[in-house]
C-alpha atoms as a PDB file:
ATOM      1  CA  MET A   1      17.648   7.310 -86.277  1.00  0.00           C
ATOM      2  CA  ARG A   2      14.005   7.594 -85.249  1.00  0.00           C
ATOM      3  CA  VAL A   3      14.085   4.108 -83.711  1.00  0.00           C
ATOM      4  CA  ALA A   4      17.236   4.999 -81.773  1.00  0.00           C
ATOM      5  CA  TRP A   5      15.609   8.251 -80.572  1.00  0.00           C
ATOM      6  CA  GLU A   6      12.461   6.446 -79.398  1.00  0.00           C
ATOM      7  CA  MET A   7      14.604   3.903 -77.555  1.00  0.00           C
ATOM      8  CA  ARG A   8      16.676   6.621 -75.840  1.00  0.00           C
ATOM      9  CA  ARG A   9      13.651   8.587 -74.592  1.00  0.00           C
ATOM     10  CA  ARG A  10      12.349   5.381 -72.981  1.00  0.00           C
ATOM     11  CA  GLY A  11      15.713   4.244 -71.658  1.00  0.00           C
ATOM     12  CA  TRP A  12      15.494   0.972 -73.589  1.00  0.00           C
ATOM     13  CA  SER A  13      18.582  -1.061 -74.340  1.00  0.00           C
ATOM     14  CA  GLN A  14      18.937  -3.029 -77.566  1.00  0.00           C
ATOM     15  CA  GLU A  15      18.064  -6.191 -75.620  1.00  0.00           C
ATOM     16  CA  ARG A  16      14.915  -4.519 -74.227  1.00  0.00           C
ATOM     17  CA  MET A  17      13.891  -3.334 -77.696  1.00  0.00           C
ATOM     18  CA  ALA A  18      14.320  -6.811 -79.137  1.00  0.00           C
ATOM     19  CA  GLN A  19      12.245  -8.275 -76.310  1.00  0.00           C
ATOM     20  CA  GLU A  20       9.481  -5.685 -76.794  1.00  0.00           C
ATOM     21  CA  LEU A  21       9.245  -6.537 -80.503  1.00  0.00           C
ATOM     22  CA  THR A  22       9.230 -10.249 -79.712  1.00  0.00           C
ATOM     23  CA  ASN A  23       6.439  -9.748 -77.183  1.00  0.00           C
ATOM     24  CA  ALA A  24       4.509  -7.810 -79.861  1.00  0.00           C
ATOM     25  CA  GLY A  25       4.578 -10.854 -82.152  1.00  0.00           C
ATOM     26  CA  CYS A  26       7.679 -10.012 -84.182  1.00  0.00           C
ATOM     27  CA  PRO A  27      10.548 -12.242 -82.973  1.00  0.00           C
ATOM     28  CA  THR A  28      13.735 -10.153 -83.054  1.00  0.00           C
ATOM     29  CA  HIS A  29      17.324 -10.599 -81.841  1.00  0.00           C
ATOM     30  CA  GLN A  30      19.474  -7.905 -80.241  1.00  0.00           C
ATOM     31  CA  SER A  31      21.906  -8.069 -83.112  1.00  0.00           C
ATOM     32  CA  ALA A  32      19.158  -7.014 -85.520  1.00  0.00           C
ATOM     33  CA  ILE A  33      18.447  -3.939 -83.421  1.00  0.00           C
ATOM     34  CA  SER A  34      22.145  -3.094 -83.381  1.00  0.00           C
ATOM     35  CA  LYS A  35      22.272  -3.222 -87.181  1.00  0.00           C
ATOM     36  CA  ILE A  36      19.199  -0.981 -87.418  1.00  0.00           C
ATOM     37  CA  VAL A  37      20.384   1.785 -85.094  1.00  0.00           C
ATOM     38  CA  ASN A  38      24.127   1.652 -85.904  1.00  0.00           C
ATOM     39  CA  PRO A  39      25.130   2.609 -89.477  1.00  0.00           C
ATOM     40  CA  LYS A  40      27.648   0.622 -91.499  1.00  0.00           C
ATOM     41  CA  PRO A  41      30.966   2.236 -92.521  1.00  0.00           C
ATOM     42  CA  ASP A  42      29.336   3.375 -95.756  1.00  0.00           C
ATOM     43  CA  GLY A  43      26.495   5.046 -93.808  1.00  0.00           C
ATOM     44  CA  SER A  44      23.810   2.535 -94.763  1.00  0.00           C
ATOM     45  CA  ARG A  45      21.666   0.715 -92.219  1.00  0.00           C
ATOM     46  CA  ARG A  46      19.832  -2.568 -92.050  1.00  0.00           C
ATOM     47  CA  VAL A  47      16.491  -2.443 -93.853  1.00  0.00           C
ATOM     48  CA  ILE A  48      13.398  -2.593 -91.618  1.00  0.00           C
ATOM     49  CA  SER A  49      10.705  -4.972 -92.802  1.00  0.00           C
ATOM     50  CA  VAL A  50       7.017  -4.051 -92.885  1.00  0.00           C
ATOM     51  CA  ASP A  51       6.280  -6.473 -90.043  1.00  0.00           C
ATOM     52  CA  GLU A  52       9.057  -4.939 -87.951  1.00  0.00           C
ATOM     53  CA  ALA A  53       7.809  -1.410 -88.673  1.00  0.00           C
ATOM     54  CA  ILE A  54       4.265  -2.326 -87.610  1.00  0.00           C
ATOM     55  CA  ALA A  55       5.584  -3.919 -84.407  1.00  0.00           C
ATOM     56  CA  MET A  56       7.800  -0.905 -83.684  1.00  0.00           C
ATOM     57  CA  ALA A  57       4.919   1.525 -84.084  1.00  0.00           C
ATOM     58  CA  ARG A  58       2.877  -0.678 -81.753  1.00  0.00           C
ATOM     59  CA  VAL A  59       5.483  -0.863 -78.976  1.00  0.00           C
ATOM     60  CA  PHE A  60       6.300   2.853 -79.277  1.00  0.00           C
ATOM     61  CA  GLY A  61       2.604   3.741 -79.219  1.00  0.00           C
ATOM     62  CA  ILE A  62       2.792   5.967 -82.310  1.00  0.00           C
ATOM     63  CA  PRO A  63       1.016   5.855 -85.698  1.00  0.00           C
ATOM     64  CA  LEU A  64       2.828   3.785 -88.324  1.00  0.00           C
ATOM     65  CA  GLU A  65       3.006   6.748 -90.706  1.00  0.00           C
ATOM     66  CA  GLU A  66       4.913   8.726 -88.064  1.00  0.00           C
ATOM     67  CA  LEU A  67       7.686   6.144 -87.641  1.00  0.00           C
ATOM     68  CA  PRO A  68       9.678   7.138 -90.781  1.00  0.00           C
ATOM     69  CA  LEU A  69       9.748  10.808 -89.752  1.00  0.00           C
ATOM     70  CA  PRO A  70      12.998  12.180 -88.282  1.00  0.00           C
ATOM     71  CA  PRO A  71      13.421  12.673 -84.517  1.00  0.00           C
ATOM     72  CA  GLU A  72      12.858  16.419 -84.900  1.00  0.00           C
ATOM     73  CA  ALA A  73       9.321  15.700 -86.078  1.00  0.00           C
ATOM     74  CA  ALA A  74       8.688  13.717 -82.874  1.00  0.00           C
ATOM     75  CA  GLU A  75       9.528  16.648 -80.607  1.00  0.00           C
ATOM     76  CA  GLY A  76       6.009  18.053 -80.940  1.00  0.00           C
ATOM     77  CA  ARG A  77       4.450  14.738 -79.931  1.00  0.00           C
ATOM     78  CA  ASP A  78       6.898  14.428 -77.039  1.00  0.00           C
ATOM     79  CA  LEU A  79       6.006  17.892 -75.778  1.00  0.00           C
ATOM     80  CA  HIS A  80       2.325  17.099 -76.116  1.00  0.00           C
ATOM     81  CA  GLU A  81       2.733  13.913 -74.101  1.00  0.00           C
ATOM     82  CA  LEU A  82       4.601  15.851 -71.437  1.00  0.00           C
ATOM     83  CA  SER A  83       1.822  18.451 -71.301  1.00  0.00           C
ATOM     84  CA  ARG A  84      -0.748  15.667 -70.896  1.00  0.00           C
ATOM     85  CA  THR A  85       1.298  14.231 -68.042  1.00  0.00           C
ATOM     86  CA  VAL A  86       1.528  17.624 -66.342  1.00  0.00           C
ATOM     87  CA  THR A  87      -2.223  18.128 -66.719  1.00  0.00           C
ATOM     88  CA  HIS A  88      -3.058  14.652 -65.419  1.00  0.00           C
ATOM     89  CA  GLU A  89      -0.689  14.836 -62.468  1.00  0.00           C
ATOM     90  CA  GLY A  90      -1.790  18.400 -61.738  1.00  0.00           C
ATOM     91  CA  ARG A  91      -5.421  17.350 -61.532  1.00  0.00           C
ATOM     92  CA  LYS A  92      -4.444  14.497 -59.216  1.00  0.00           C
ATOM     93  CA  ALA A  93      -2.504  16.998 -57.126  1.00  0.00           C
ATOM     94  CA  LYS A  94      -5.594  19.221 -56.841  1.00  0.00           C
ATOM     95  CA  ALA A  95      -7.698  16.315 -55.591  1.00  0.00           C
ATOM     96  CA  GLN A  96      -4.992  15.131 -53.202  1.00  0.00           C
ATOM     97  CA  HIS A  97      -4.522  18.662 -51.916  1.00  0.00           C
ATOM     98  CA  ALA A  98      -8.247  18.959 -51.232  1.00  0.00           C
ATOM     99  CA  GLN A  99      -8.135  15.724 -49.214  1.00  0.00           C
ATOM    100  CA  PHE A 100      -5.075  17.017 -47.365  1.00  0.00           C
ATOM    101  CA  LEU A 101      -6.897  20.186 -46.358  1.00  0.00           C
ATOM    102  CA  LEU A 102      -9.931  18.216 -45.184  1.00  0.00           C
ATOM    103  CA  ALA A 103      -7.692  16.017 -43.037  1.00  0.00           C
ATOM    104  CA  TRP A 104      -5.855  19.111 -41.737  1.00  0.00           C
ATOM    105  CA  ALA A 105      -9.122  20.793 -40.763  1.00  0.00           C
ATOM    106  CA  ARG A 106     -10.473  17.622 -39.103  1.00  0.00           C
ATOM    107  CA  LEU A 107      -7.275  17.208 -37.104  1.00  0.00           C
ATOM    108  CA  ARG A 108      -7.326  20.794 -35.877  1.00  0.00           C
ATOM    109  CA  HIS A 109     -11.012  20.504 -35.012  1.00  0.00           C
ATOM    110  CA  ARG A 110     -10.474  17.335 -32.963  1.00  0.00           C
ATOM    111  CA  LEU A 111      -7.366  18.626 -31.199  1.00  0.00           C
ATOM    112  CA  SER A 112      -9.199  21.775 -30.152  1.00  0.00           C
ATOM    113  CA  GLN A 113     -10.930  19.583 -27.542  1.00  0.00           C
ATOM    114  CA  GLN A 114      -8.912  18.997 -24.358  1.00  0.00           C
ATOM    115  CA  ASP A 115     -10.045  15.376 -23.991  1.00  0.00           C
ATOM    116  CA  ASN A 116      -8.841  14.547 -27.481  1.00  0.00           C
ATOM    117  CA  ARG A 117      -5.447  16.137 -26.820  1.00  0.00           C
ATOM    118  CA  ALA A 118      -5.147  13.953 -23.710  1.00  0.00           C
ATOM    119  CA  PHE A 119      -6.067  10.833 -25.722  1.00  0.00           C
ATOM    120  CA  TYR A 120      -3.449  11.726 -28.321  1.00  0.00           C
ATOM    121  CA  GLN A 121      -0.769  12.308 -25.680  1.00  0.00           C
ATOM    122  CA  GLU A 122      -1.601   8.968 -24.082  1.00  0.00           C
ATOM    123  CA  PHE A 123      -1.451   7.243 -27.457  1.00  0.00           C
ATOM    124  CA  LEU A 124       1.975   8.732 -28.179  1.00  0.00           C
ATOM    125  CA  ALA A 125       3.205   7.891 -24.678  1.00  0.00           C
ATOM    126  CA  HIS A 126       2.427   4.197 -25.279  1.00  0.00           C
ATOM    127  CA  ARG A 127       4.744   4.444 -28.270  1.00  0.00           C
ATOM    128  CA  ARG A 128       7.522   5.824 -26.103  1.00  0.00           C
ATOM    129  CA  VAL A 129       7.155   9.370 -27.346  1.00  0.00           C
ATOM    130  CA  SER A 130       8.243  11.829 -24.669  1.00  0.00           C
ATOM    131  CA  VAL A 131       5.817  14.374 -23.239  1.00  0.00           C
ATOM    132  CA  ASP A 132       7.793  17.224 -24.827  1.00  0.00           C
ATOM    133  CA  GLN A 133       7.707  15.541 -28.227  1.00  0.00           C
ATOM    134  CA  ALA A 134       3.986  14.814 -27.868  1.00  0.00           C
ATOM    135  CA  ASN A 135       3.271  18.440 -26.987  1.00  0.00           C
ATOM    136  CA  GLU A 136       5.358  19.586 -29.925  1.00  0.00           C
ATOM    137  CA  ALA A 137       3.391  17.307 -32.264  1.00  0.00           C
ATOM    138  CA  ILE A 138       0.103  18.698 -30.997  1.00  0.00           C
ATOM    139  CA  LYS A 139       1.429  22.239 -31.325  1.00  0.00           C
ATOM    140  CA  VAL A 140       2.361  21.640 -34.961  1.00  0.00           C
ATOM    141  CA  TRP A 141      -1.181  20.620 -35.850  1.00  0.00           C
ATOM    142  CA  HIS A 142      -3.251  22.708 -33.483  1.00  0.00           C
ATOM    143  CA  ASP A 143      -1.474  26.023 -32.937  1.00  0.00           C
ATOM    144  CA  GLN A 144      -0.917  27.139 -36.517  1.00  0.00           C
ATOM    145  CA  PRO A 145      -2.721  30.441 -37.220  1.00  0.00           C
ATOM    146  CA  SER A 146      -5.021  28.885 -39.825  1.00  0.00           C
ATOM    147  CA  TRP A 147      -5.423  25.869 -42.080  1.00  0.00           C
ATOM    148  CA  ARG A 148      -4.979  28.337 -44.943  1.00  0.00           C
ATOM    149  CA  ASP A 149      -1.254  28.407 -44.142  1.00  0.00           C
ATOM    150  CA  ALA A 150      -1.135  24.880 -45.505  1.00  0.00           C
ATOM    151  CA  THR A 151      -2.064  26.155 -48.954  1.00  0.00           C
ATOM    152  CA  ALA A 152       1.019  28.356 -49.354  1.00  0.00           C
ATOM    153  CA  ALA A 153       3.174  25.728 -51.042  1.00  0.00           C
ATOM    154  CA  TYR A 154       0.354  24.849 -53.414  1.00  0.00           C
ATOM    155  CA  HIS A 155      -0.145  28.314 -54.899  1.00  0.00           C
ATOM    156  CA  LYS A 156       2.683  28.086 -57.417  1.00  0.00           C
ATOM    157  CA  LEU A 157       1.397  24.802 -58.852  1.00  0.00           C
ATOM    158  CA  GLU A 158      -2.164  26.096 -58.885  1.00  0.00           C
ATOM    159  CA  ARG A 159      -1.184  29.217 -60.809  1.00  0.00           C
ATOM    160  CA  THR A 160       0.647  27.050 -63.345  1.00  0.00           C
ATOM    161  CA  LEU A 161      -2.433  24.886 -63.828  1.00  0.00           C
ATOM    162  CA  GLN A 162      -4.560  27.989 -64.243  1.00  0.00           C
ATOM    163  CA  THR A 163      -2.231  29.170 -67.002  1.00  0.00           C
ATOM    164  CA  LEU A 164      -2.684  25.844 -68.763  1.00  0.00           C
ATOM    165  CA  GLY A 165      -6.440  26.123 -68.337  1.00  0.00           C
ATOM    166  CA  THR A 166      -6.702  22.846 -66.464  1.00  0.00           C
ATOM    167  CA  GLY A 167      -8.449  23.792 -63.249  1.00  0.00           C
ATOM    168  CA  ARG A 168     -10.164  26.313 -61.044  1.00  0.00           C
ATOM    169  CA  ASP A 169      -8.664  28.221 -58.169  1.00  0.00           C
ATOM    170  CA  MET A 170      -9.130  26.329 -54.887  1.00  0.00           C
ATOM    171  CA  THR A 171      -8.149  29.167 -52.571  1.00  0.00           C
ATOM    172  CA  PRO A 172     -10.898  31.029 -50.699  1.00  0.00           C
ATOM    173  CA  PRO A 173     -12.279  33.915 -52.780  1.00  0.00           C
ATOM    174  CA  THR A 174     -10.907  37.424 -52.401  1.00  0.00           C
ATOM    175  CA  ASP A 175     -11.957  40.733 -53.876  1.00  0.00           C
ATOM    176  CA  ASP A 176      -9.345  40.306 -56.608  1.00  0.00           C
ATOM    177  CA  VAL A 177     -10.554  36.945 -57.896  1.00  0.00           C
ATOM    178  CA  ARG A 178     -14.205  37.896 -57.462  1.00  0.00           C
ATOM    179  CA  ARG A 179     -13.915  39.950 -60.643  1.00  0.00           C
ATOM    180  CA  HIS A 180     -12.973  36.860 -62.643  1.00  0.00           C
ATOM    181  CA  ARG A 181     -15.399  34.310 -61.249  1.00  0.00           C
ATOM    182  CA  SER A 182     -18.335  34.124 -58.892  1.00  0.00           C
ATOM    183  CA  VAL A 183     -18.302  32.585 -55.437  1.00  0.00           C
ATOM    184  CA  VAL A 184     -22.083  32.312 -55.718  1.00  0.00           C
ATOM    185  CA  ALA A 185     -21.811  29.105 -57.751  1.00  0.00           C
ATOM    186  CA  ASP A 186     -19.691  27.452 -55.050  1.00  0.00           C
ATOM    187  CA  LEU A 187     -22.014  28.643 -52.282  1.00  0.00           C
ATOM    188  CA  LEU A 188     -25.047  27.319 -54.118  1.00  0.00           C
ATOM    189  CA  ARG A 189     -23.378  23.945 -54.749  1.00  0.00           C
ATOM    190  CA  ALA A 190     -22.431  23.764 -51.087  1.00  0.00           C
ATOM    191  CA  ARG A 191     -25.989  24.673 -50.105  1.00  0.00           C
ATOM    192  CA  GLU A 192     -27.333  21.831 -52.230  1.00  0.00           C
ATOM    193  CA  LEU A 193     -24.867  19.467 -50.552  1.00  0.00           C
ATOM    194  CA  PHE A 194     -25.809  20.374 -46.987  1.00  0.00           C
ATOM    195  CA  ALA A 195     -29.481  21.237 -47.401  1.00  0.00           C
ATOM    196  CA  SER A 196     -30.513  18.512 -49.853  1.00  0.00           C
ATOM    197  CA  ARG A 197     -28.001  15.747 -50.401  1.00  0.00           C
ATOM    198  CA  ILE A 198     -26.569  15.014 -46.954  1.00  0.00           C
ATOM    199  CA  PRO A 199     -29.942  14.801 -45.118  1.00  0.00           C
ATOM    200  CA  GLY A 200     -31.133  12.133 -47.569  1.00  0.00           C
ATOM    201  CA  THR A 201     -27.884  10.162 -47.727  1.00  0.00           C
ATOM    202  CA  PRO A 202     -26.914   7.194 -45.510  1.00  0.00           C
ATOM    203  CA  VAL A 203     -24.336   8.139 -42.875  1.00  0.00           C
ATOM    204  CA  ARG A 204     -21.681   5.793 -44.266  1.00  0.00           C
ATOM    205  CA  VAL A 205     -21.935   7.384 -47.736  1.00  0.00           C
ATOM    206  CA  VAL A 206     -21.645  11.026 -46.642  1.00  0.00           C
ATOM    207  CA  PRO A 207     -17.798  11.081 -46.303  1.00  0.00           C
ATOM    208  CA  ASP A 208     -17.429  10.083 -49.956  1.00  0.00           C
ATOM    209  CA  LEU A 209     -19.996  12.724 -50.889  1.00  0.00           C
ATOM    210  CA  VAL A 210     -18.062  15.372 -48.958  1.00  0.00           C
ATOM    211  CA  ASP A 211     -14.836  14.289 -50.665  1.00  0.00           C
ATOM    212  CA  HIS A 212     -16.534  14.838 -54.022  1.00  0.00           C
ATOM    213  CA  PHE A 213     -17.355  18.418 -52.990  1.00  0.00           C
ATOM    214  CA  ALA A 214     -14.035  19.069 -51.248  1.00  0.00           C
ATOM    215  CA  GLN A 215     -12.737  21.665 -53.696  1.00  0.00           C
ATOM    216  CA  THR A 216     -16.075  23.489 -53.652  1.00  0.00           C
ATOM    217  CA  LEU A 217     -15.961  23.735 -49.845  1.00  0.00           C
ATOM    218  CA  ILE A 218     -12.376  24.994 -49.928  1.00  0.00           C
ATOM    219  CA  ARG A 219     -13.051  27.622 -52.579  1.00  0.00           C
ATOM    220  CA  ALA A 220     -16.152  28.816 -50.729  1.00  0.00           C
ATOM    221  CA  ASP A 221     -14.163  29.031 -47.461  1.00  0.00           C
ATOM    222  CA  LEU A 222     -16.655  26.806 -45.633  1.00  0.00           C
ATOM    223  CA  LEU A 223     -14.341  24.269 -43.982  1.00  0.00           C
ATOM    224  CA  GLU A 224     -14.305  25.944 -40.579  1.00  0.00           C
ATOM    225  CA  VAL A 225     -18.076  26.096 -40.152  1.00  0.00           C
ATOM    226  CA  ALA A 226     -18.634  22.694 -41.778  1.00  0.00           C
ATOM    227  CA  MET A 227     -15.902  20.784 -39.941  1.00  0.00           C
ATOM    228  CA  PRO A 228     -17.988  19.597 -36.934  1.00  0.00           C
ATOM    229  CA  LEU A 229     -20.460  18.063 -39.386  1.00  0.00           C
ATOM    230  CA  ILE A 230     -17.765  16.619 -41.675  1.00  0.00           C
ATOM    231  CA  ASP A 231     -15.836  15.105 -38.781  1.00  0.00           C
ATOM    232  CA  SER A 232     -18.967  13.660 -37.201  1.00  0.00           C
ATOM    233  CA  TYR A 233     -19.981  11.853 -40.401  1.00  0.00           C
ATOM    234  CA  ALA A 234     -16.392  10.689 -40.937  1.00  0.00           C
ATOM    235  CA  ARG A 235     -16.691   8.915 -37.560  1.00  0.00           C
ATOM    236  CA  GLY A 236     -20.013   7.357 -38.510  1.00  0.00           C
ATOM    237  CA  THR A 237     -22.392   9.702 -36.694  1.00  0.00           C
ATOM    238  CA  ALA A 238     -24.993  12.019 -38.245  1.00  0.00           C
ATOM    239  CA  HIS A 239     -24.877  15.722 -37.449  1.00  0.00           C
ATOM    240  CA  PRO A 240     -27.395  18.554 -37.971  1.00  0.00           C
ATOM    241  CA  VAL A 241     -26.867  20.633 -41.115  1.00  0.00           C
ATOM    242  CA  ASP A 242     -28.697  23.748 -39.907  1.00  0.00           C
ATOM    243  CA  GLU A 243     -25.633  25.741 -38.817  1.00  0.00           C
ATOM    244  CA  VAL A 244     -23.857  25.249 -42.141  1.00  0.00           C
ATOM    245  CA  VAL A 245     -26.928  26.060 -44.231  1.00  0.00           C
ATOM    246  CA  THR A 246     -27.564  29.169 -42.122  1.00  0.00           C
ATOM    247  CA  GLU A 247     -24.008  30.365 -42.701  1.00  0.00           C
ATOM    248  CA  ILE A 248     -24.279  29.787 -46.455  1.00  0.00           C
ATOM    249  CA  ASP A 249     -27.573  31.682 -46.567  1.00  0.00           C
ATOM    250  CA  ARG A 250     -26.027  34.519 -44.561  1.00  0.00           C
ATOM    251  CA  ARG A 251     -23.215  34.865 -47.106  1.00  0.00           C
ATOM    252  CA  LEU A 252     -25.657  34.752 -50.009  1.00  0.00           C
ATOM    253  CA  GLN A 253     -27.776  37.444 -48.347  1.00  0.00           C
ATOM    254  CA  GLU A 254     -24.641  39.595 -47.942  1.00  0.00           C
ATOM    255  CA  ILE A 255     -24.022  39.319 -51.664  1.00  0.00           C
ATOM    256  CA  ILE A 256     -27.653  40.221 -52.362  1.00  0.00           C
ATOM    257  CA  ALA A 257     -27.567  43.222 -50.019  1.00  0.00           C
ATOM    258  CA  ARG A 258     -24.350  44.842 -51.204  1.00  0.00           C
ATOM    259  CA  GLU A 259     -24.496  47.747 -53.631  1.00  0.00           C
ATOM    260  CA  PRO A 260     -23.202  46.451 -56.988  1.00  0.00           C
ATOM    261  CA  LYS A 261     -20.293  48.407 -58.475  1.00  0.00           C
ATOM    262  CA  ASN A 262     -20.494  46.835 -61.914  1.00  0.00           C
ATOM    263  CA  ARG A 263     -22.559  44.404 -63.990  1.00  0.00           C
ATOM    264  CA  HIS A 264     -20.658  41.394 -62.672  1.00  0.00           C
ATOM    265  CA  GLU A 265     -21.550  42.193 -59.068  1.00  0.00           C
ATOM    266  CA  TYR A 266     -25.139  42.895 -60.134  1.00  0.00           C
ATOM    267  CA  LEU A 267     -25.363  39.458 -61.773  1.00  0.00           C
ATOM    268  CA  GLU A 268     -23.778  37.850 -58.693  1.00  0.00           C
ATOM    269  CA  SER A 269     -26.464  39.396 -56.523  1.00  0.00           C
ATOM    270  CA  LEU A 270     -29.176  38.267 -58.898  1.00  0.00           C
ATOM    271  CA  ALA A 271     -27.680  34.748 -59.103  1.00  0.00           C
ATOM    272  CA  ALA A 272     -27.822  34.516 -55.303  1.00  0.00           C
ATOM    273  CA  ARG A 273     -31.483  35.574 -55.315  1.00  0.00           C
ATOM    274  CA  ILE A 274     -32.290  32.984 -57.988  1.00  0.00           C
ATOM    275  CA  GLY A 275     -30.374  30.280 -56.129  1.00  0.00           C
ATOM    276  CA  LEU A 276     -32.223  30.880 -52.883  1.00  0.00           C
ATOM    277  CA  ARG A 277     -35.516  30.558 -54.752  1.00  0.00           C
ATOM    278  CA  GLY A 278     -34.545  26.987 -55.591  1.00  0.00           C
ATOM    279  CA  GLU A 279     -35.390  27.280 -59.283  1.00  0.00           C
ATOM    280  CA  THR A 280     -33.123  24.870 -61.171  1.00  0.00           C
ATOM    281  CA  HIS A 281     -34.505  23.417 -64.413  1.00  0.00           C
ATOM    282  CA  GLU A 282     -36.861  25.944 -65.957  1.00  0.00           C
ATOM    283  CA  SER A 283     -38.534  26.216 -69.331  1.00  0.00           C
ATOM    284  CA  GLN A 284     -38.154  29.471 -71.253  1.00  0.00           C
ATOM    285  CA  GLU A 285     -41.708  30.374 -70.322  1.00  0.00           C
ATOM    286  CA  ARG A 286     -40.958  29.733 -66.653  1.00  0.00           C
ATOM    287  CA  GLN A 287     -37.775  31.818 -66.871  1.00  0.00           C
ATOM    288  CA  THR A 288     -39.802  34.725 -68.256  1.00  0.00           C
ATOM    289  CA  ARG A 289     -42.245  34.474 -65.340  1.00  0.00           C
ATOM    290  CA  SER A 290     -39.405  34.183 -62.786  1.00  0.00           C
ATOM    291  CA  ALA A 291     -37.666  37.227 -64.257  1.00  0.00           C
ATOM    292  CA  GLY A 292     -40.928  39.155 -63.928  1.00  0.00           C
ATOM    293  CA  ASP A 293     -41.321  38.017 -60.308  1.00  0.00           C
ATOM    294  CA  LEU A 294     -37.851  39.401 -59.537  1.00  0.00           C
ATOM    295  CA  GLY A 295     -38.400  42.567 -61.552  1.00  0.00           C
ATOM    296  CA  VAL A 296     -35.484  41.983 -63.918  1.00  0.00           C
ATOM    297  CA  SER A 297     -35.117  41.449 -67.646  1.00  0.00           C
ATOM    298  CA  VAL A 298     -35.110  37.917 -69.077  1.00  0.00           C
ATOM    299  CA  GLU A 299     -31.596  38.531 -70.437  1.00  0.00           C
ATOM    300  CA  ASP A 300     -30.285  39.501 -67.008  1.00  0.00           C
ATOM    301  CA  TYR A 301     -32.072  36.525 -65.454  1.00  0.00           C
ATOM    302  CA  ARG A 302     -30.453  34.066 -67.856  1.00  0.00           C
ATOM    303  CA  ASP A 303     -26.997  35.658 -67.535  1.00  0.00           C
ATOM    304  CA  ALA A 304     -27.248  35.508 -63.745  1.00  0.00           C
ATOM    305  CA  LYS A 305     -28.356  31.918 -63.824  1.00  0.00           C
ATOM    306  CA  ASP A 306     -25.402  31.037 -66.026  1.00  0.00           C
ATOM    307  CA  LEU A 307     -23.114  32.859 -63.591  1.00  0.00           C
ATOM    308  CA  GLY A 308     -24.511  30.811 -60.740  1.00  0.00           C
ATOM    309  CA  ASP A 309     -23.923  27.673 -62.825  1.00  0.00           C
ATOM    310  CA  MET A 310     -27.451  26.522 -62.097  1.00  0.00           C
ATOM    311  CA  TYR A 311     -27.885  24.637 -65.358  1.00  0.00           C
ATOM    312  CA  ARG A 312     -25.135  22.145 -64.578  1.00  0.00           C
ATOM    313  CA  GLU A 313     -25.229  19.318 -62.110  1.00  0.00           C
ATOM    314  CA  SER A 314     -23.579  20.270 -58.848  1.00  0.00           C
ATOM    315  CA  GLY A 315     -20.247  18.741 -57.964  1.00  0.00           C
ATOM    316  CA  MET A 316     -16.505  19.188 -57.985  1.00  0.00           C
ATOM    317  CA  ARG A 317     -15.058  20.932 -61.002  1.00  0.00           C
END
């Protein structure tokens, strides 16, 4: 019964099962499989040899000791495998969605220039696309209120992944989510990208580097200000980072300047101050001195640094 259940969940016929066992080094005929899964009139079934059992466990991808258990016992494993699939595909969806938003933002940025719209219309005209259709295509990409509208369909999946504990929210931060996590960490990672990594990276490598940080840029709501730079590097040309770094610093200074309403906001403000100081890997003695320089307790300093995620290597999470 367990063999029949494993075959059904994979959609294997008796011929396929026999072939799988043969390929696994246990030559088997279809008739043998039929006698195993179909009981005789008296209810008995063909005995499975040790070699056949080992081969079956191998082709089913389950431990040998699990093979004799009834199908009901396999339901837990099946659910676990399904949950792993959902998690894996969900993570792929997050990465693909980040790339989609980068492409969306680049397209809108390029089509905001009249010359580029003319080039696109000419390109479409050569492919026998009417002027009305070309204008409609440009309108679809360029005249939407915001690239954020493209995230609407993703929210349901993202909330599901959050429930499973398999990812972080990619939507730009709001007052509601600020209570649960800090945007400071994303701003500081983005600052490292634009202030430190990109200037020292070959032009051809920067697009891959930006892709690696895509979710960070989306969560920090930096696509709009960063898009001229991102698009320029994507076309093989370097671009100054000053405007992006200035905007990040402005947002960090806003967080520092606001009056904290609770300990979380206080630690956010302190994390921003620490991040702008550029202190990353510090000994305990150095942390004590830095806390004194900022006029805060060592405990608050360490909690704020943890909040800013400064101990971990920057990158996409």
